[in-house]
Amino acid sequence: MLPSGERLRKAGLFQRVYSARKSVSSEQLSLYVLARQARSAPGLPLAGFVVSKKVHARASDRNLTKRRVREAYRLLRLSMAEGGEAALAFQQLNLEQWYAIVWVIQGNLLDKTWAEVNQNVVNCLVKANQKHGSKRVSK
């Protein structure tokens, strides 16, 4: 579970992220990002997760899908912080450049394996960094 300080909860902030129109997609996910302003304090981005009723009619399926993506993101974030092999591979992601990110789940991730869910999360983060990321390298 993500810490309370890293969860995106306010509807107005979700709308700000959507209106920034900075998004990337993978097979099953779309990722919307909102860049951090120069005056805001550095830190990890606020993260929100969305699944529509068109994807899963049952609330329990929507919640399970969000939990899977949330856990994949959390584990990736932790592995980057610990400085293991994953940190070397994803060093250029620089999550602190984003103020908020919203994961929109567009496909049925319940049928996917854990490795496929992780790969979709990583693909979206890499694409977002390449397309909308800042040009400076974090240390």
Protein backbone atom coordinates (compact mmCIF):
# COMPACT_ATOMS: atom_id res chain seq x y z
CA MET A 1 0.00 0.00 0.00
CA LEU A 2 1.24 3.45 -0.84
CA PRO A 3 1.85 5.81 2.07
CA SER A 4 -0.94 8.31 2.67
CA GLY A 5 1.26 11.24 1.64
CA GLU A 6 1.80 9.75 -1.83
CA ARG A 7 -1.84 9.09 -2.72
CA LEU A 8 -3.74 11.32 -5.09
CA ARG A 9 -7.25 11.80 -3.70
CA LYS A 10 -8.69 15.17 -4.66
CA ALA A 11 -10.89 15.33 -7.75
CA GLY A 12 -9.54 18.76 -8.64
CA LEU A 13 -5.99 17.46 -8.79
CA PHE A 14 -7.09 14.54 -10.98
CA GLN A 15 -8.61 17.12 -13.34
CA ARG A 16 -5.38 19.19 -13.32
CA VAL A 17 -3.40 16.10 -14.34
CA TYR A 18 -5.86 15.28 -17.15
CA SER A 19 -5.95 18.87 -18.40
CA ALA A 20 -2.14 18.99 -18.65
CA ARG A 21 -2.56 16.56 -21.59
CA LYS A 22 0.72 14.79 -21.03
CA SER A 23 0.06 11.09 -21.41
CA VAL A 24 1.58 7.88 -22.69
CA SER A 25 0.11 4.41 -23.15
CA SER A 26 1.14 0.79 -23.12
CA GLU A 27 -0.96 -2.28 -23.92
CA GLN A 28 -3.28 -2.07 -20.92
CA LEU A 29 -2.42 1.23 -19.19
CA SER A 30 -2.32 4.94 -19.82
CA LEU A 31 -0.23 7.22 -17.66
CA TYR A 32 -0.99 10.92 -17.24
CA VAL A 33 1.73 13.06 -15.67
CA LEU A 34 1.83 16.56 -14.21
CA ALA A 35 5.27 18.16 -14.04
CA ARG A 36 6.53 19.54 -10.74
CA GLN A 37 6.77 23.31 -10.50
CA ALA A 38 10.12 24.84 -9.59
CA ARG A 39 8.72 26.26 -6.35
CA SER A 40 7.29 22.97 -5.05
CA ALA A 41 9.22 20.81 -2.62
CA PRO A 42 10.99 17.77 -4.10
CA GLY A 43 9.57 14.36 -3.37
CA LEU A 44 7.86 11.39 -4.91
CA PRO A 45 4.77 12.11 -7.00
CA LEU A 46 1.21 11.75 -5.84
CA ALA A 47 -0.22 8.66 -7.53
CA GLY A 48 -3.83 7.96 -8.51
CA PHE A 49 -5.35 4.85 -10.08
CA VAL A 50 -8.52 4.76 -12.19
CA VAL A 51 -10.55 1.90 -13.69
CA SER A 52 -13.84 2.59 -15.44
CA LYS A 53 -16.98 0.51 -15.24
CA LYS A 54 -16.57 -0.25 -18.94
CA VAL A 55 -13.44 -2.26 -18.14
CA HIS A 56 -14.88 -4.13 -15.14
CA ALA A 57 -18.55 -3.99 -14.19
CA ARG A 58 -17.98 -5.32 -10.68
CA ALA A 59 -16.42 -3.01 -8.10
CA SER A 60 -14.43 -5.88 -6.60
CA ASP A 61 -12.76 -6.51 -9.98
CA ARG A 62 -11.97 -2.80 -10.38
CA ASN A 63 -10.46 -2.68 -6.90
CA LEU A 64 -8.38 -5.80 -7.49
CA THR A 65 -7.07 -4.37 -10.75
CA LYS A 66 -6.11 -1.11 -9.04
CA ARG A 67 -4.39 -3.01 -6.23
CA ARG A 68 -2.28 -4.98 -8.72
CA VAL A 69 -1.10 -1.85 -10.55
CA ARG A 70 -0.56 0.03 -7.29
CA GLU A 71 1.58 -2.79 -5.93
CA ALA A 72 3.64 -3.02 -9.13
CA TYR A 73 4.29 0.74 -8.95
CA ARG A 74 5.11 0.57 -5.22
CA LEU A 75 7.59 -2.29 -5.63
CA LEU A 76 9.29 -0.55 -8.56
CA ARG A 77 9.55 2.65 -6.52
CA LEU A 78 11.02 0.76 -3.55
CA SER A 79 13.54 -1.12 -5.67
CA MET A 80 14.70 2.17 -7.15
CA ALA A 81 15.13 3.66 -3.67
CA GLU A 82 17.10 0.68 -2.36
CA GLY A 83 19.74 0.99 -5.06
CA GLY A 84 19.65 -2.58 -6.34
CA GLU A 85 19.98 -3.78 -9.91
CA ALA A 86 16.59 -2.32 -10.79
CA ALA A 87 17.79 1.08 -9.62
CA LEU A 88 20.63 1.01 -12.11
CA ALA A 89 18.29 0.05 -14.94
CA PHE A 90 15.71 2.73 -14.08
CA GLN A 91 18.01 5.46 -12.85
CA GLN A 92 16.90 7.77 -15.64
CA LEU A 93 13.20 7.60 -14.66
CA ASN A 94 13.56 10.40 -12.10
CA LEU A 95 10.11 10.08 -10.52
CA GLU A 96 10.70 13.26 -8.50
CA GLN A 97 10.24 15.39 -11.62
CA TRP A 98 6.50 14.67 -11.50
CA TYR A 99 4.10 16.32 -9.08
CA ALA A 100 1.28 13.86 -9.77
CA ILE A 101 0.71 10.80 -11.92
CA VAL A 102 -2.57 9.06 -12.78
CA TRP A 103 -2.70 5.46 -13.97
CA VAL A 104 -5.75 4.78 -16.14
CA ILE A 105 -6.30 1.05 -16.54
CA GLN A 106 -7.90 0.39 -19.91
CA GLY A 107 -7.70 -3.37 -20.28
CA ASN A 108 -8.37 -6.49 -18.32
CA LEU A 109 -5.27 -6.89 -16.16
CA LEU A 110 -6.88 -9.67 -14.12
CA ASP A 111 -6.06 -12.12 -16.93
CA LYS A 112 -2.43 -10.96 -17.14
CA THR A 113 0.48 -12.44 -15.23
CA TRP A 114 2.33 -10.45 -12.60
CA ALA A 115 5.32 -10.06 -14.95
CA GLU A 116 3.06 -8.55 -17.65
CA VAL A 117 1.55 -6.09 -15.17
CA ASN A 118 5.03 -5.04 -14.04
CA GLN A 119 6.19 -4.68 -17.64
CA ASN A 120 3.22 -2.45 -18.50
CA VAL A 121 3.98 -0.19 -15.51
CA VAL A 122 7.66 0.06 -16.43
CA ASN A 123 6.88 0.72 -20.10
CA CYS A 124 4.59 3.61 -19.20
CA LEU A 125 7.14 5.20 -16.86
CA VAL A 126 9.94 4.89 -19.42
CA LYS A 127 7.78 6.36 -22.19
CA ALA A 128 6.64 9.24 -19.94
CA ASN A 129 10.22 10.06 -19.07
CA GLN A 130 11.29 9.99 -22.73
CA LYS A 131 8.35 12.00 -24.01
CA HIS A 132 7.59 14.46 -21.20
CA GLY A 133 10.54 14.21 -18.81
CA SER A 134 12.93 16.96 -17.94
CA LYS A 135 16.27 16.97 -19.69
CA ARG A 136 18.33 17.23 -16.52
CA VAL A 137 19.76 14.10 -14.94
CA SER A 138 19.02 13.53 -11.24
CA LYS A 139 21.71 12.36 -8.87
